[in-house]
Amino acid sequence: MKYSVKQFLLFLLSSLLGCFFIFSAFTKTQPIQHFEYTIHSQLFVPQLLSVYAARFFIGLEAALGLLLLLNIYGSRKWVIKASFWLLIIFTIHLAILYINAGNDVNCGCMGSMVPMTPLASILKNILLLALFGLLWKFASTPAHSRWQQLTSLIVIPIIIAVPFVIYPAQLKHIPVSRLYGAEAKQAPTADLRHGKHFIGFLSLTCSHCRDAAHTLSLMKQADSSLPIQLVFMDPEVDSTRAAMLTDFMEATKATNIPYSFLDQKPFREIAGLFVPAMYWVNDSAIVKRLNVPDLNQKEFQLWIKSK
């Protein structure tokens, strides 16, 4: 009876760890550009390489999670060992990030879906390492370990390939030139086609857009050199535009941020169905897509200053 209870607890522990790994992999895709930026900025790798690395690590984490969920450990429990050492590597990186950037940045370990500070993520990893240590020590290799080994070796490359299929590995660009063409009711004064910029596509009637604009105005007030540009969907009626803009600026105090207007059709084609749509761009390539909670002045300043 003790043996069966022990095996059940180990089965449950492995399944829970597997679910956590799968969930962690999923959060890194929401959006995937956030995780690309995390690798690019924190590991100092070229931007295009970070695009491929992000998909590889997401696939690897999901693959290990699926095998753990199914209690498939491979020969000599290599799945458990690989998961353990992957966490060790992540924890060392987090410690370096904490030393270099402090504790008021999102480490990106779970994307922008579940923002975490470096210290919180280190504590989370320590708990996970302890649980993996128990699994490593007490889990047994079944008699059909050869079948488990074959299954694990098949699953790993297939799952790693999935993010490359769902999210094609390429740099995505914003057609910034459209902001200066005939579709623009008011073109930006700065050249957003070159260099690093924050571009926020907002609606004058969106409450979340107002929250974003207010936060951005505070960031701009604290550091006037920040290259921030707002792009509004044009109401297409001059009197309506003026009244709506006045109301928006009075509510958000964002008069210190340059703005422009774009026709409704190209605005929707670029920004998508949901606003605010906010991006860090470098030579029009999307480095990171942000939601309102992701607006962090220190992170933006560090990116602007980085090579």
C-alpha atoms as a PDB file:
ATOM      1  CA  MET A   1       0.000   0.000   0.000  1.00  0.00           C
ATOM      2  CA  LYS A   2       2.786   2.429   0.830  1.00  0.00           C
ATOM      3  CA  TYR A   3       4.379   1.733  -2.515  1.00  0.00           C
ATOM      4  CA  SER A   4       1.151   2.461  -4.416  1.00  0.00           C
ATOM      5  CA  VAL A   5       0.583   5.689  -2.527  1.00  0.00           C
ATOM      6  CA  LYS A   6       4.158   6.717  -3.248  1.00  0.00           C
ATOM      7  CA  GLN A   7       3.767   5.980  -6.943  1.00  0.00           C
ATOM      8  CA  PHE A   8       0.507   7.912  -7.075  1.00  0.00           C
ATOM      9  CA  LEU A   9       2.107  10.963  -5.445  1.00  0.00           C
ATOM     10  CA  LEU A  10       5.056  10.828  -7.843  1.00  0.00           C
ATOM     11  CA  PHE A  11       2.658  10.482 -10.772  1.00  0.00           C
ATOM     12  CA  LEU A  12       0.702  13.507  -9.532  1.00  0.00           C
ATOM     13  CA  LEU A  13       3.888  15.530  -8.961  1.00  0.00           C
ATOM     14  CA  SER A  14       5.191  14.758 -12.440  1.00  0.00           C
ATOM     15  CA  SER A  15       1.853  15.672 -14.013  1.00  0.00           C
ATOM     16  CA  LEU A  16       1.671  18.980 -12.137  1.00  0.00           C
ATOM     17  CA  LEU A  17       5.223  19.912 -13.126  1.00  0.00           C
ATOM     18  CA  GLY A  18       4.418  18.995 -16.713  1.00  0.00           C
ATOM     19  CA  CYS A  19       1.312  21.192 -16.678  1.00  0.00           C
ATOM     20  CA  PHE A  20       3.351  24.067 -15.288  1.00  0.00           C
ATOM     21  CA  PHE A  21       5.978  23.725 -18.031  1.00  0.00           C
ATOM     22  CA  ILE A  22       3.279  23.640 -20.712  1.00  0.00           C
ATOM     23  CA  PHE A  23       1.554  26.696 -19.230  1.00  0.00           C
ATOM     24  CA  SER A  24       4.882  28.526 -18.967  1.00  0.00           C
ATOM     25  CA  ALA A  25       5.591  27.770 -22.639  1.00  0.00           C
ATOM     26  CA  PHE A  26       2.148  29.058 -23.609  1.00  0.00           C
ATOM     27  CA  THR A  27       2.577  32.337 -21.724  1.00  0.00           C
ATOM     28  CA  LYS A  28       5.739  33.037 -23.712  1.00  0.00           C
ATOM     29  CA  THR A  29       3.649  33.175 -26.883  1.00  0.00           C
ATOM     30  CA  GLN A  30       1.294  35.890 -25.543  1.00  0.00           C
ATOM     31  CA  PRO A  31       2.676  37.670 -27.525  1.00  0.00           C
ATOM     32  CA  ILE A  32       5.768  35.862 -28.761  1.00  0.00           C
ATOM     33  CA  GLN A  33       7.477  39.185 -29.593  1.00  0.00           C
ATOM     34  CA  HIS A  34       7.781  39.834 -25.870  1.00  0.00           C
ATOM     35  CA  PHE A  35       9.819  36.668 -25.385  1.00  0.00           C
ATOM     36  CA  GLU A  36      11.872  37.453 -28.495  1.00  0.00           C
ATOM     37  CA  TYR A  37      12.735  40.803 -26.958  1.00  0.00           C
ATOM     38  CA  THR A  38      13.584  39.178 -23.620  1.00  0.00           C
ATOM     39  CA  ILE A  39      16.191  36.978 -25.302  1.00  0.00           C
ATOM     40  CA  HIS A  40      17.456  39.809 -27.495  1.00  0.00           C
ATOM     41  CA  SER A  41      17.865  42.324 -24.676  1.00  0.00           C
ATOM     42  CA  GLN A  42      18.907  40.100 -21.789  1.00  0.00           C
ATOM     43  CA  LEU A  43      21.205  37.664 -23.594  1.00  0.00           C
ATOM     44  CA  PHE A  44      22.577  40.252 -26.052  1.00  0.00           C
ATOM     45  CA  VAL A  45      21.996  38.093 -29.124  1.00  0.00           C
ATOM     46  CA  PRO A  46      21.138  39.507 -32.580  1.00  0.00           C
ATOM     47  CA  GLN A  47      17.468  40.244 -33.067  1.00  0.00           C
ATOM     48  CA  LEU A  48      16.945  37.673 -35.846  1.00  0.00           C
ATOM     49  CA  LEU A  49      18.669  34.962 -33.793  1.00  0.00           C
ATOM     50  CA  SER A  50      16.403  35.784 -30.855  1.00  0.00           C
ATOM     51  CA  VAL A  51      13.404  35.086 -33.105  1.00  0.00           C
ATOM     52  CA  TYR A  52      14.606  31.505 -33.661  1.00  0.00           C
ATOM     53  CA  ALA A  53      15.815  31.021 -30.079  1.00  0.00           C
ATOM     54  CA  ALA A  54      12.447  32.080 -28.662  1.00  0.00           C
ATOM     55  CA  ARG A  55      10.626  29.423 -30.662  1.00  0.00           C
ATOM     56  CA  PHE A  56      13.192  26.772 -29.777  1.00  0.00           C
ATOM     57  CA  PHE A  57      12.946  27.352 -26.025  1.00  0.00           C
ATOM     58  CA  ILE A  58       9.146  27.540 -26.144  1.00  0.00           C
ATOM     59  CA  GLY A  59       9.045  24.217 -28.005  1.00  0.00           C
ATOM     60  CA  LEU A  60      11.606  22.616 -25.692  1.00  0.00           C
ATOM     61  CA  GLU A  61       9.736  23.679 -22.565  1.00  0.00           C
ATOM     62  CA  ALA A  62       6.423  22.465 -24.003  1.00  0.00           C
ATOM     63  CA  ALA A  63       7.977  19.138 -25.077  1.00  0.00           C
ATOM     64  CA  LEU A  64       9.490  18.470 -21.656  1.00  0.00           C
ATOM     65  CA  GLY A  65       6.187  19.460 -20.068  1.00  0.00           C
ATOM     66  CA  LEU A  66       4.220  17.040 -22.236  1.00  0.00           C
ATOM     67  CA  LEU A  67       6.577  14.160 -21.418  1.00  0.00           C
ATOM     68  CA  LEU A  68       6.375  14.950 -17.707  1.00  0.00           C
ATOM     69  CA  LEU A  69       2.598  15.151 -17.913  1.00  0.00           C
ATOM     70  CA  LEU A  70       2.548  11.672 -19.469  1.00  0.00           C
ATOM     71  CA  ASN A  71       5.161  10.412 -16.971  1.00  0.00           C
ATOM     72  CA  ILE A  72       7.574   9.556 -19.772  1.00  0.00           C
ATOM     73  CA  TYR A  73      11.114  10.087 -18.500  1.00  0.00           C
ATOM     74  CA  GLY A  74      13.266   8.382 -21.147  1.00  0.00           C
ATOM     75  CA  SER A  75      16.422   6.416 -20.522  1.00  0.00           C
ATOM     76  CA  ARG A  76      17.971   7.093 -17.105  1.00  0.00           C
ATOM     77  CA  LYS A  77      15.275   9.727 -16.457  1.00  0.00           C
ATOM     78  CA  TRP A  78      16.912  12.188 -18.872  1.00  0.00           C
ATOM     79  CA  VAL A  79      13.663  14.183 -19.203  1.00  0.00           C
ATOM     80  CA  ILE A  80      13.670  14.954 -15.468  1.00  0.00           C
ATOM     81  CA  LYS A  81      17.390  15.765 -15.532  1.00  0.00           C
ATOM     82  CA  ALA A  82      17.049  18.023 -18.588  1.00  0.00           C
ATOM     83  CA  SER A  83      14.166  19.917 -16.941  1.00  0.00           C
ATOM     84  CA  PHE A  84      16.190  20.312 -13.742  1.00  0.00           C
ATOM     85  CA  TRP A  85      19.268  21.684 -15.492  1.00  0.00           C
ATOM     86  CA  LEU A  86      17.193  23.942 -17.712  1.00  0.00           C
ATOM     87  CA  LEU A  87      15.809  25.526 -14.544  1.00  0.00           C
ATOM     88  CA  ILE A  88      19.344  25.876 -13.169  1.00  0.00           C
ATOM     89  CA  ILE A  89      20.405  27.780 -16.293  1.00  0.00           C
ATOM     90  CA  PHE A  90      17.322  30.010 -16.131  1.00  0.00           C
ATOM     91  CA  THR A  91      17.960  30.741 -12.443  1.00  0.00           C
ATOM     92  CA  ILE A  92      21.581  31.740 -13.065  1.00  0.00           C
ATOM     93  CA  HIS A  93      20.393  34.084 -15.790  1.00  0.00           C
ATOM     94  CA  LEU A  94      17.786  35.578 -13.451  1.00  0.00           C
ATOM     95  CA  ALA A  95      20.423  36.214 -10.803  1.00  0.00           C
ATOM     96  CA  ILE A  96      22.563  38.076 -13.348  1.00  0.00           C
ATOM     97  CA  LEU A  97      19.513  40.061 -14.497  1.00  0.00           C
ATOM     98  CA  TYR A  98      18.702  40.981 -10.898  1.00  0.00           C
ATOM     99  CA  ILE A  99      22.255  42.242 -10.344  1.00  0.00           C
ATOM    100  CA  ASN A 100      22.335  44.264 -13.585  1.00  0.00           C
ATOM    101  CA  ALA A 101      18.784  45.623 -13.840  1.00  0.00           C
ATOM    102  CA  GLY A 102      17.332  45.404 -10.341  1.00  0.00           C
ATOM    103  CA  ASN A 103      13.976  43.991  -9.372  1.00  0.00           C
ATOM    104  CA  ASP A 104      11.554  46.418 -11.032  1.00  0.00           C
ATOM    105  CA  VAL A 105      11.571  44.848 -14.514  1.00  0.00           C
ATOM    106  CA  ASN A 106       9.637  41.934 -15.992  1.00  0.00           C
ATOM    107  CA  CYS A 107      12.045  39.030 -16.360  1.00  0.00           C
ATOM    108  CA  GLY A 108       9.954  37.620 -19.220  1.00  0.00           C
ATOM    109  CA  CYS A 109       9.970  34.081 -17.791  1.00  0.00           C
ATOM    110  CA  MET A 110       6.230  33.852 -18.342  1.00  0.00           C
ATOM    111  CA  GLY A 111       5.910  36.460 -21.060  1.00  0.00           C
ATOM    112  CA  SER A 112       3.735  39.488 -20.514  1.00  0.00           C
ATOM    113  CA  MET A 113       0.754  37.318 -19.568  1.00  0.00           C
ATOM    114  CA  VAL A 114       2.116  36.760 -16.032  1.00  0.00           C
ATOM    115  CA  PRO A 115       4.665  39.523 -15.329  1.00  0.00           C
ATOM    116  CA  MET A 116       7.272  38.497 -12.775  1.00  0.00           C
ATOM    117  CA  THR A 117      10.234  40.258 -11.224  1.00  0.00           C
ATOM    118  CA  PRO A 118      13.626  38.503 -11.303  1.00  0.00           C
ATOM    119  CA  LEU A 119      13.533  37.835  -7.547  1.00  0.00           C
ATOM    120  CA  ALA A 120      10.018  36.360  -7.639  1.00  0.00           C
ATOM    121  CA  SER A 121      10.998  34.117 -10.538  1.00  0.00           C
ATOM    122  CA  ILE A 122      14.147  32.968  -8.723  1.00  0.00           C
ATOM    123  CA  LEU A 123      12.040  31.941  -5.709  1.00  0.00           C
ATOM    124  CA  LYS A 124       9.614  30.169  -8.044  1.00  0.00           C
ATOM    125  CA  ASN A 125      12.491  28.272  -9.665  1.00  0.00           C
ATOM    126  CA  ILE A 126      13.936  27.250  -6.297  1.00  0.00           C
ATOM    127  CA  LEU A 127      10.595  25.657  -5.411  1.00  0.00           C
ATOM    128  CA  LEU A 128      10.443  23.916  -8.792  1.00  0.00           C
ATOM    129  CA  LEU A 129      14.020  22.660  -8.406  1.00  0.00           C
ATOM    130  CA  ALA A 130      13.140  21.146  -5.027  1.00  0.00           C
ATOM    131  CA  LEU A 131      10.146  19.365  -6.554  1.00  0.00           C
ATOM    132  CA  PHE A 132      12.205  18.127  -9.498  1.00  0.00           C
ATOM    133  CA  GLY A 133      14.824  16.929  -7.036  1.00  0.00           C
ATOM    134  CA  LEU A 134      12.214  14.741  -5.349  1.00  0.00           C
ATOM    135  CA  LEU A 135      11.057  13.409  -8.692  1.00  0.00           C
ATOM    136  CA  TRP A 136      14.646  12.754  -9.797  1.00  0.00           C
ATOM    137  CA  LYS A 137      15.436  10.829  -6.612  1.00  0.00           C
ATOM    138  CA  PHE A 138      12.288   8.777  -6.122  1.00  0.00           C
ATOM    139  CA  ALA A 139      10.788   8.235  -9.577  1.00  0.00           C
ATOM    140  CA  SER A 140      11.533   4.804 -10.973  1.00  0.00           C
ATOM    141  CA  THR A 141      12.336   3.867 -14.545  1.00  0.00           C
ATOM    142  CA  PRO A 142       9.666   1.412 -15.767  1.00  0.00           C
ATOM    143  CA  ALA A 143      10.431  -1.946 -17.299  1.00  0.00           C
ATOM    144  CA  HIS A 144       9.441  -0.640 -20.724  1.00  0.00           C
ATOM    145  CA  SER A 145      12.073   2.098 -20.603  1.00  0.00           C
ATOM    146  CA  ARG A 146      13.167   1.387 -24.181  1.00  0.00           C
ATOM    147  CA  TRP A 147       9.710   2.290 -25.396  1.00  0.00           C
ATOM    148  CA  GLN A 148       9.791   5.405 -23.207  1.00  0.00           C
ATOM    149  CA  GLN A 149      13.173   6.364 -24.654  1.00  0.00           C
ATOM    150  CA  LEU A 150      11.916   5.991 -28.214  1.00  0.00           C
ATOM    151  CA  THR A 151       8.769   7.967 -27.443  1.00  0.00           C
ATOM    152  CA  SER A 152      10.699  10.777 -25.788  1.00  0.00           C
ATOM    153  CA  LEU A 153      13.130  11.057 -28.707  1.00  0.00           C
ATOM    154  CA  ILE A 154      10.223  11.289 -31.137  1.00  0.00           C
ATOM    155  CA  VAL A 155       8.159  13.768 -29.112  1.00  0.00           C
ATOM    156  CA  ILE A 156      10.958  16.270 -28.437  1.00  0.00           C
ATOM    157  CA  PRO A 157      11.748  17.305 -32.058  1.00  0.00           C
ATOM    158  CA  ILE A 158       8.079  17.265 -33.099  1.00  0.00           C
ATOM    159  CA  ILE A 159       6.967  19.598 -30.295  1.00  0.00           C
ATOM    160  CA  ILE A 160      10.004  21.856 -30.757  1.00  0.00           C
ATOM    161  CA  ALA A 161       8.969  22.280 -34.399  1.00  0.00           C
ATOM    162  CA  VAL A 162       5.410  23.339 -33.521  1.00  0.00           C
ATOM    163  CA  PRO A 163       6.163  26.989 -32.562  1.00  0.00           C
ATOM    164  CA  PHE A 164       8.091  27.419 -35.826  1.00  0.00           C
ATOM    165  CA  VAL A 165       4.970  26.320 -37.718  1.00  0.00           C
ATOM    166  CA  ILE A 166       2.426  28.336 -35.721  1.00  0.00           C
ATOM    167  CA  TYR A 167       4.637  31.427 -35.474  1.00  0.00           C
ATOM    168  CA  PRO A 168       6.805  31.583 -38.614  1.00  0.00           C
ATOM    169  CA  ALA A 169      10.302  32.690 -37.644  1.00  0.00           C
ATOM    170  CA  GLN A 170      10.753  36.054 -39.258  1.00  0.00           C
ATOM    171  CA  LEU A 171      11.065  39.656 -38.266  1.00  0.00           C
ATOM    172  CA  LYS A 172       7.700  41.383 -38.525  1.00  0.00           C
ATOM    173  CA  HIS A 173       7.613  44.953 -39.767  1.00  0.00           C
ATOM    174  CA  ILE A 174       5.088  47.729 -39.389  1.00  0.00           C
ATOM    175  CA  PRO A 175       4.430  49.473 -42.722  1.00  0.00           C
ATOM    176  CA  VAL A 176       5.545  52.765 -41.221  1.00  0.00           C
ATOM    177  CA  SER A 177       5.720  54.433 -44.645  1.00  0.00           C
ATOM    178  CA  ARG A 178       1.902  54.418 -44.750  1.00  0.00           C
ATOM    179  CA  LEU A 179       1.931  56.942 -41.911  1.00  0.00           C
ATOM    180  CA  TYR A 180       3.464  59.448 -44.341  1.00  0.00           C
ATOM    181  CA  GLY A 181       1.398  58.744 -47.467  1.00  0.00           C
ATOM    182  CA  ALA A 182      -1.950  59.930 -48.755  1.00  0.00           C
ATOM    183  CA  GLU A 183      -3.769  57.834 -46.135  1.00  0.00           C
ATOM    184  CA  ALA A 184      -2.340  59.980 -43.340  1.00  0.00           C
ATOM    185  CA  LYS A 185      -4.473  62.925 -42.297  1.00  0.00           C
ATOM    186  CA  GLN A 186      -1.523  64.207 -40.289  1.00  0.00           C
ATOM    187  CA  ALA A 187       1.923  62.682 -40.727  1.00  0.00           C
ATOM    188  CA  PRO A 188       4.391  62.246 -37.836  1.00  0.00           C
ATOM    189  CA  THR A 189       7.025  64.926 -37.577  1.00  0.00           C
ATOM    190  CA  ALA A 190       9.726  62.394 -36.641  1.00  0.00           C
ATOM    191  CA  ASP A 191      11.054  59.790 -39.093  1.00  0.00           C
ATOM    192  CA  LEU A 192       9.728  56.563 -37.602  1.00  0.00           C
ATOM    193  CA  ARG A 193      11.133  54.489 -40.465  1.00  0.00           C
ATOM    194  CA  HIS A 194      14.616  54.548 -38.986  1.00  0.00           C
ATOM    195  CA  GLY A 195      15.931  53.986 -35.484  1.00  0.00           C
ATOM    196  CA  LYS A 196      14.202  52.931 -32.290  1.00  0.00           C
ATOM    197  CA  HIS A 197      10.732  54.209 -31.485  1.00  0.00           C
ATOM    198  CA  PHE A 198       7.623  53.500 -29.454  1.00  0.00           C
ATOM    199  CA  ILE A 199       4.535  53.620 -31.680  1.00  0.00           C
ATOM    200  CA  GLY A 200       1.110  53.385 -30.106  1.00  0.00           C
ATOM    201  CA  PHE A 201      -2.006  52.965 -32.246  1.00  0.00           C
ATOM    202  CA  LEU A 202      -4.890  54.366 -30.194  1.00  0.00           C
ATOM    203  CA  SER A 203      -8.543  55.231 -30.498  1.00  0.00           C
ATOM    204  CA  LEU A 204      -9.860  58.495 -29.099  1.00  0.00           C
ATOM    205  CA  THR A 205     -12.878  56.672 -27.656  1.00  0.00           C
ATOM    206  CA  CYS A 206     -11.101  53.688 -26.047  1.00  0.00           C
ATOM    207  CA  SER A 207     -10.772  53.713 -22.238  1.00  0.00           C
ATOM    208  CA  HIS A 208      -7.705  51.416 -22.315  1.00  0.00           C
ATOM    209  CA  CYS A 209      -6.115  53.762 -24.844  1.00  0.00           C
ATOM    210  CA  ARG A 210      -6.618  56.598 -22.397  1.00  0.00           C
ATOM    211  CA  ASP A 211      -4.935  54.582 -19.655  1.00  0.00           C
ATOM    212  CA  ALA A 212      -2.012  53.920 -21.991  1.00  0.00           C
ATOM    213  CA  ALA A 213      -1.727  57.560 -23.052  1.00  0.00           C
ATOM    214  CA  HIS A 214      -1.744  58.758 -19.444  1.00  0.00           C
ATOM    215  CA  THR A 215       1.039  56.326 -18.488  1.00  0.00           C
ATOM    216  CA  LEU A 216       3.042  57.321 -21.562  1.00  0.00           C
ATOM    217  CA  SER A 217       2.633  61.005 -20.724  1.00  0.00           C
ATOM    218  CA  LEU A 218       4.136  60.357 -17.288  1.00  0.00           C
ATOM    219  CA  MET A 219       7.040  58.470 -18.881  1.00  0.00           C
ATOM    220  CA  LYS A 220       7.596  61.328 -21.324  1.00  0.00           C
ATOM    221  CA  GLN A 221       7.401  63.856 -18.504  1.00  0.00           C
ATOM    222  CA  ALA A 222      10.093  61.970 -16.581  1.00  0.00           C
ATOM    223  CA  ASP A 223      12.322  61.638 -19.662  1.00  0.00           C
ATOM    224  CA  SER A 224      11.524  63.992 -22.537  1.00  0.00           C
ATOM    225  CA  SER A 225      14.041  62.236 -24.813  1.00  0.00           C
ATOM    226  CA  LEU A 226      11.941  59.062 -25.072  1.00  0.00           C
ATOM    227  CA  PRO A 227      10.947  58.582 -28.746  1.00  0.00           C
ATOM    228  CA  ILE A 228       7.202  58.027 -28.327  1.00  0.00           C
ATOM    229  CA  GLN A 229       4.656  58.511 -31.123  1.00  0.00           C
ATOM    230  CA  LEU A 230       0.886  58.136 -30.920  1.00  0.00           C
ATOM    231  CA  VAL A 231      -1.178  57.308 -34.004  1.00  0.00           C
ATOM    232  CA  PHE A 232      -4.940  57.887 -33.777  1.00  0.00           C
ATOM    233  CA  MET A 233      -7.644  56.461 -36.003  1.00  0.00           C
ATOM    234  CA  ASP A 234      -9.090  59.456 -37.817  1.00  0.00           C
ATOM    235  CA  PRO A 235     -12.791  60.208 -37.098  1.00  0.00           C
ATOM    236  CA  GLU A 236     -12.872  61.635 -40.661  1.00  0.00           C
ATOM    237  CA  VAL A 237     -14.849  64.734 -39.626  1.00  0.00           C
ATOM    238  CA  ASP A 238     -12.787  67.800 -38.781  1.00  0.00           C
ATOM    239  CA  SER A 239     -15.092  69.174 -36.089  1.00  0.00           C
ATOM    240  CA  THR A 240     -15.531  65.758 -34.497  1.00  0.00           C
ATOM    241  CA  ARG A 241     -11.778  65.147 -34.580  1.00  0.00           C
ATOM    242  CA  ALA A 242     -11.023  68.418 -32.816  1.00  0.00           C
ATOM    243  CA  ALA A 243     -13.615  67.882 -30.069  1.00  0.00           C
ATOM    244  CA  MET A 244     -12.614  64.253 -29.451  1.00  0.00           C
ATOM    245  CA  LEU A 245      -8.908  65.101 -29.406  1.00  0.00           C
ATOM    246  CA  THR A 246      -9.432  67.926 -26.913  1.00  0.00           C
ATOM    247  CA  ASP A 247     -11.398  65.636 -24.609  1.00  0.00           C
ATOM    248  CA  PHE A 248      -8.760  62.884 -24.930  1.00  0.00           C
ATOM    249  CA  MET A 249      -5.863  65.205 -24.140  1.00  0.00           C
ATOM    250  CA  GLU A 250      -7.624  66.795 -21.183  1.00  0.00           C
ATOM    251  CA  ALA A 251      -8.298  63.361 -19.706  1.00  0.00           C
ATOM    252  CA  THR A 252      -4.844  61.871 -20.314  1.00  0.00           C
ATOM    253  CA  LYS A 253      -2.533  64.930 -20.022  1.00  0.00           C
ATOM    254  CA  ALA A 254      -0.716  63.547 -23.083  1.00  0.00           C
ATOM    255  CA  THR A 255      -0.107  66.874 -24.794  1.00  0.00           C
ATOM    256  CA  ASN A 256       3.650  66.316 -24.378  1.00  0.00           C
ATOM    257  CA  ILE A 257       3.582  63.362 -26.808  1.00  0.00           C
ATOM    258  CA  PRO A 258       3.608  63.862 -30.600  1.00  0.00           C
ATOM    259  CA  TYR A 259       0.647  62.361 -32.422  1.00  0.00           C
ATOM    260  CA  SER A 260      -0.696  61.825 -35.910  1.00  0.00           C
ATOM    261  CA  PHE A 261      -3.897  60.612 -37.578  1.00  0.00           C
ATOM    262  CA  LEU A 262      -4.412  57.771 -40.035  1.00  0.00           C
ATOM    263  CA  ASP A 263      -7.467  56.854 -42.110  1.00  0.00           C
ATOM    264  CA  GLN A 264      -9.674  54.193 -40.578  1.00  0.00           C
ATOM    265  CA  LYS A 265      -9.027  51.417 -43.122  1.00  0.00           C
ATOM    266  CA  PRO A 266      -5.193  51.484 -43.027  1.00  0.00           C
ATOM    267  CA  PHE A 267      -5.323  52.020 -39.255  1.00  0.00           C
ATOM    268  CA  ARG A 268      -7.287  48.768 -38.801  1.00  0.00           C
ATOM    269  CA  GLU A 269      -5.027  46.947 -41.260  1.00  0.00           C
ATOM    270  CA  ILE A 270      -1.940  47.931 -39.274  1.00  0.00           C
ATOM    271  CA  ALA A 271      -3.244  47.945 -35.692  1.00  0.00           C
ATOM    272  CA  GLY A 272      -5.650  45.029 -35.975  1.00  0.00           C
ATOM    273  CA  LEU A 273      -9.054  44.667 -34.355  1.00  0.00           C
ATOM    274  CA  PHE A 274      -8.021  45.570 -30.827  1.00  0.00           C
ATOM    275  CA  VAL A 275      -6.491  48.765 -29.471  1.00  0.00           C
ATOM    276  CA  PRO A 276      -4.315  49.963 -27.979  1.00  0.00           C
ATOM    277  CA  ALA A 277      -1.769  48.275 -30.252  1.00  0.00           C
ATOM    278  CA  MET A 278       1.636  49.385 -28.992  1.00  0.00           C
ATOM    279  CA  TYR A 279       5.061  48.430 -30.275  1.00  0.00           C
ATOM    280  CA  TRP A 280       8.746  48.963 -29.813  1.00  0.00           C
ATOM    281  CA  VAL A 281      10.138  49.167 -33.341  1.00  0.00           C
ATOM    282  CA  ASN A 282      13.686  49.289 -34.657  1.00  0.00           C
ATOM    283  CA  ASP A 283      13.980  50.349 -38.306  1.00  0.00           C
ATOM    284  CA  SER A 284      10.241  49.494 -38.561  1.00  0.00           C
ATOM    285  CA  ALA A 285      10.835  45.899 -37.313  1.00  0.00           C
ATOM    286  CA  ILE A 286       8.691  44.929 -34.317  1.00  0.00           C
ATOM    287  CA  VAL A 287      10.891  44.267 -31.310  1.00  0.00           C
ATOM    288  CA  LYS A 288       8.132  43.973 -28.734  1.00  0.00           C
ATOM    289  CA  ARG A 289       4.361  44.296 -28.581  1.00  0.00           C
ATOM    290  CA  LEU A 290       2.973  45.680 -25.342  1.00  0.00           C
ATOM    291  CA  ASN A 291      -0.225  45.818 -23.352  1.00  0.00           C
ATOM    292  CA  VAL A 292      -1.003  48.619 -20.904  1.00  0.00           C
ATOM    293  CA  PRO A 293       0.485  46.777 -17.861  1.00  0.00           C
ATOM    294  CA  ASP A 294       3.730  46.279 -19.821  1.00  0.00           C
ATOM    295  CA  LEU A 295       4.484  50.009 -20.018  1.00  0.00           C
ATOM    296  CA  ASN A 296       7.662  50.286 -17.977  1.00  0.00           C
ATOM    297  CA  GLN A 297       9.856  53.359 -18.266  1.00  0.00           C
ATOM    298  CA  LYS A 298      13.039  51.679 -17.040  1.00  0.00           C
ATOM    299  CA  GLU A 299      12.746  48.784 -19.490  1.00  0.00           C
ATOM    300  CA  PHE A 300      12.102  51.208 -22.362  1.00  0.00           C
ATOM    301  CA  GLN A 301      15.082  53.354 -21.401  1.00  0.00           C
ATOM    302  CA  LEU A 302      17.363  50.304 -21.187  1.00  0.00           C
ATOM    303  CA  TRP A 303      16.244  49.193 -24.647  1.00  0.00           C
ATOM    304  CA  ILE A 304      16.729  52.613 -26.196  1.00  0.00           C
ATOM    305  CA  LYS A 305      20.277  52.782 -24.830  1.00  0.00           C
ATOM    306  CA  SER A 306      21.178  49.227 -25.861  1.00  0.00           C
ATOM    307  CA  LYS A 307      22.961  48.517 -29.127  1.00  0.00           C
END
